[in-house]
Amino acid sequence: RRGGMLVPIVLRWYWWRLNGYGFAVGILSGTCVSICTKLFLPDVADYLLLFAALPVSLTLLLIVTFSTPPTSPQVLDKFYRNTRPWGLWGPVTGKMRDPEGLRRVEVETTLD
């Protein structure tokens, strides 16, 4: 039943471009699809219903994310420095103003 929330929750850590609007729409659409499928298809196993919620959540998340402005570079810079996520963060790390700080983050991340 919570499968519709999987896509936005995972993507927020691995993809720099996902913004708050895309995240919110991904969560809401996935949750709505999960609830509706459970109401109208009560005898279908939960793991099969996941295949209904995931594509809807991903599609709407992508549409809204690319239709709205990205998160500001300052917020992304601060988030990256604090959490050090791995994934598709190249555009953020490429614009960081402190190359020495970035090198320290990369060394620390490698040691983790």
C-alpha atoms as a PDB file:
ATOM      1  CA  ARG A   1       0.000   0.000   0.000  1.00  0.00           C
ATOM      2  CA  ARG A   2       2.903   2.345   0.527  1.00  0.00           C
ATOM      3  CA  GLY A   3       4.527   1.480  -2.775  1.00  0.00           C
ATOM      4  CA  GLY A   4       3.375   4.680  -4.406  1.00  0.00           C
ATOM      5  CA  MET A   5       5.667   6.646  -2.108  1.00  0.00           C
ATOM      6  CA  LEU A   6       8.723   4.595  -3.038  1.00  0.00           C
ATOM      7  CA  VAL A   7       9.743   6.517  -6.163  1.00  0.00           C
ATOM      8  CA  PRO A   8       9.867  10.042  -4.678  1.00  0.00           C
ATOM      9  CA  ILE A   9      11.461   8.876  -1.433  1.00  0.00           C
ATOM     10  CA  VAL A  10      14.272   7.101  -3.274  1.00  0.00           C
ATOM     11  CA  LEU A  11      14.780   9.754  -5.967  1.00  0.00           C
ATOM     12  CA  ARG A  12      15.148  12.607  -3.496  1.00  0.00           C
ATOM     13  CA  TRP A  13      18.474  11.118  -2.367  1.00  0.00           C
ATOM     14  CA  TYR A  14      19.873  10.207  -5.771  1.00  0.00           C
ATOM     15  CA  TRP A  15      18.728  12.930  -8.175  1.00  0.00           C
ATOM     16  CA  TRP A  16      19.565  16.591  -7.692  1.00  0.00           C
ATOM     17  CA  ARG A  17      16.808  17.889  -9.981  1.00  0.00           C
ATOM     18  CA  LEU A  18      13.870  16.550  -7.941  1.00  0.00           C
ATOM     19  CA  ASN A  19      12.277  19.553  -6.254  1.00  0.00           C
ATOM     20  CA  GLY A  20       9.610  19.906  -3.582  1.00  0.00           C
ATOM     21  CA  TYR A  21       6.778  20.155  -6.099  1.00  0.00           C
ATOM     22  CA  GLY A  22       7.754  16.954  -7.875  1.00  0.00           C
ATOM     23  CA  PHE A  23       8.266  15.181  -4.559  1.00  0.00           C
ATOM     24  CA  ALA A  24       4.836  16.260  -3.261  1.00  0.00           C
ATOM     25  CA  VAL A  25       3.026  15.261  -6.459  1.00  0.00           C
ATOM     26  CA  GLY A  26       4.875  11.935  -6.530  1.00  0.00           C
ATOM     27  CA  ILE A  27       3.843  11.167  -2.939  1.00  0.00           C
ATOM     28  CA  LEU A  28       0.225  12.285  -3.416  1.00  0.00           C
ATOM     29  CA  SER A  29      -0.321  10.545  -6.745  1.00  0.00           C
ATOM     30  CA  GLY A  30       1.278   7.317  -5.570  1.00  0.00           C
ATOM     31  CA  THR A  31      -0.764   7.356  -2.382  1.00  0.00           C
ATOM     32  CA  CYS A  32      -4.012   8.045  -4.263  1.00  0.00           C
ATOM     33  CA  VAL A  33      -3.353   5.256  -6.749  1.00  0.00           C
ATOM     34  CA  SER A  34      -2.500   2.875  -3.905  1.00  0.00           C
ATOM     35  CA  ILE A  35      -5.702   3.695  -2.036  1.00  0.00           C
ATOM     36  CA  CYS A  36      -7.878   3.484  -5.160  1.00  0.00           C
ATOM     37  CA  THR A  37      -6.428   0.165  -6.289  1.00  0.00           C
ATOM     38  CA  LYS A  38      -6.906  -1.287  -2.807  1.00  0.00           C
ATOM     39  CA  LEU A  39     -10.526  -0.059  -2.725  1.00  0.00           C
ATOM     40  CA  PHE A  40     -11.458  -1.249  -6.201  1.00  0.00           C
ATOM     41  CA  LEU A  41      -9.223  -4.330  -6.385  1.00  0.00           C
ATOM     42  CA  PRO A  42      -9.283  -5.666  -2.809  1.00  0.00           C
ATOM     43  CA  ASP A  43      -8.459  -9.260  -3.762  1.00  0.00           C
ATOM     44  CA  VAL A  44      -5.283  -8.441  -5.686  1.00  0.00           C
ATOM     45  CA  ALA A  45      -2.030  -8.962  -3.807  1.00  0.00           C
ATOM     46  CA  ASP A  46      -0.285  -5.817  -2.566  1.00  0.00           C
ATOM     47  CA  TYR A  47       2.928  -6.569  -4.418  1.00  0.00           C
ATOM     48  CA  LEU A  48       1.012  -6.608  -7.725  1.00  0.00           C
ATOM     49  CA  LEU A  49      -0.663  -3.289  -6.941  1.00  0.00           C
ATOM     50  CA  LEU A  50       2.795  -1.796  -6.669  1.00  0.00           C
ATOM     51  CA  PHE A  51       3.049  -2.028 -10.452  1.00  0.00           C
ATOM     52  CA  ALA A  52       0.078   0.329 -10.765  1.00  0.00           C
ATOM     53  CA  ALA A  53       1.328   2.956  -8.320  1.00  0.00           C
ATOM     54  CA  LEU A  54       4.987   3.136  -9.351  1.00  0.00           C
ATOM     55  CA  PRO A  55       4.579   4.222 -12.997  1.00  0.00           C
ATOM     56  CA  VAL A  56       1.867   6.762 -12.167  1.00  0.00           C
ATOM     57  CA  SER A  57       3.936   8.265  -9.368  1.00  0.00           C
ATOM     58  CA  LEU A  58       7.090   8.375 -11.511  1.00  0.00           C
ATOM     59  CA  THR A  59       5.352   9.877 -14.539  1.00  0.00           C
ATOM     60  CA  LEU A  60       3.625  12.666 -12.625  1.00  0.00           C
ATOM     61  CA  LEU A  61       6.748  13.322 -10.557  1.00  0.00           C
ATOM     62  CA  LEU A  62       8.822  13.808 -13.718  1.00  0.00           C
ATOM     63  CA  ILE A  63       6.227  16.027 -15.403  1.00  0.00           C
ATOM     64  CA  VAL A  64       5.909  18.324 -12.393  1.00  0.00           C
ATOM     65  CA  THR A  65       9.645  18.362 -11.650  1.00  0.00           C
ATOM     66  CA  PHE A  66      10.528  19.477 -15.178  1.00  0.00           C
ATOM     67  CA  SER A  67       7.577  21.914 -15.298  1.00  0.00           C
ATOM     68  CA  THR A  68       8.698  23.814 -12.212  1.00  0.00           C
ATOM     69  CA  PRO A  69      11.949  25.614 -11.391  1.00  0.00           C
ATOM     70  CA  PRO A  70      14.771  23.606  -9.841  1.00  0.00           C
ATOM     71  CA  THR A  71      15.781  24.076  -6.236  1.00  0.00           C
ATOM     72  CA  SER A  72      18.149  27.016  -5.745  1.00  0.00           C
ATOM     73  CA  PRO A  73      21.876  26.277  -6.063  1.00  0.00           C
ATOM     74  CA  GLN A  74      22.512  27.529  -2.527  1.00  0.00           C
ATOM     75  CA  VAL A  75      20.051  25.035  -1.044  1.00  0.00           C
ATOM     76  CA  LEU A  76      21.442  22.188  -3.158  1.00  0.00           C
ATOM     77  CA  ASP A  77      25.010  23.117  -2.193  1.00  0.00           C
ATOM     78  CA  LYS A  78      24.149  23.120   1.517  1.00  0.00           C
ATOM     79  CA  PHE A  79      22.177  19.874   1.238  1.00  0.00           C
ATOM     80  CA  TYR A  80      25.011  18.144  -0.592  1.00  0.00           C
ATOM     81  CA  ARG A  81      27.604  19.255   1.953  1.00  0.00           C
ATOM     82  CA  ASN A  82      25.451  18.130   4.897  1.00  0.00           C
ATOM     83  CA  THR A  83      24.208  14.784   3.585  1.00  0.00           C
ATOM     84  CA  ARG A  84      26.765  13.786   0.922  1.00  0.00           C
ATOM     85  CA  PRO A  85      24.308  11.795  -1.188  1.00  0.00           C
ATOM     86  CA  TRP A  86      25.587   9.641  -4.005  1.00  0.00           C
ATOM     87  CA  GLY A  87      23.894   9.405  -7.341  1.00  0.00           C
ATOM     88  CA  LEU A  88      23.193  11.972 -10.046  1.00  0.00           C
ATOM     89  CA  TRP A  89      24.640  15.022  -8.284  1.00  0.00           C
ATOM     90  CA  GLY A  90      27.318  15.974 -10.858  1.00  0.00           C
ATOM     91  CA  PRO A  91      25.693  19.304 -11.810  1.00  0.00           C
ATOM     92  CA  VAL A  92      25.672  20.328  -8.149  1.00  0.00           C
ATOM     93  CA  THR A  93      29.229  19.286  -7.353  1.00  0.00           C
ATOM     94  CA  GLY A  94      30.471  20.885 -10.580  1.00  0.00           C
ATOM     95  CA  LYS A  95      29.193  24.294  -9.428  1.00  0.00           C
ATOM     96  CA  MET A  96      30.392  24.157  -5.837  1.00  0.00           C
ATOM     97  CA  ARG A  97      32.333  27.270  -4.927  1.00  0.00           C
ATOM     98  CA  ASP A  98      34.778  25.587  -2.568  1.00  0.00           C
ATOM     99  CA  PRO A  99      36.861  22.977  -4.428  1.00  0.00           C
ATOM    100  CA  GLU A 100      38.868  22.149  -1.284  1.00  0.00           C
ATOM    101  CA  GLY A 101      35.642  21.543   0.665  1.00  0.00           C
ATOM    102  CA  LEU A 102      34.367  19.337  -2.146  1.00  0.00           C
ATOM    103  CA  ARG A 103      37.595  17.330  -2.077  1.00  0.00           C
ATOM    104  CA  ARG A 104      37.213  16.790   1.689  1.00  0.00           C
ATOM    105  CA  VAL A 105      33.628  15.626   1.193  1.00  0.00           C
ATOM    106  CA  GLU A 106      34.692  13.197  -1.543  1.00  0.00           C
ATOM    107  CA  VAL A 107      37.499  11.789   0.636  1.00  0.00           C
ATOM    108  CA  GLU A 108      35.146  11.369   3.590  1.00  0.00           C
ATOM    109  CA  THR A 109      32.479   9.761   1.410  1.00  0.00           C
ATOM    110  CA  THR A 110      35.070   7.324   0.016  1.00  0.00           C
ATOM    111  CA  LEU A 111      36.083   6.364   3.549  1.00  0.00           C
ATOM    112  CA  ASP A 112      32.463   5.737   4.637  1.00  0.00           C
END
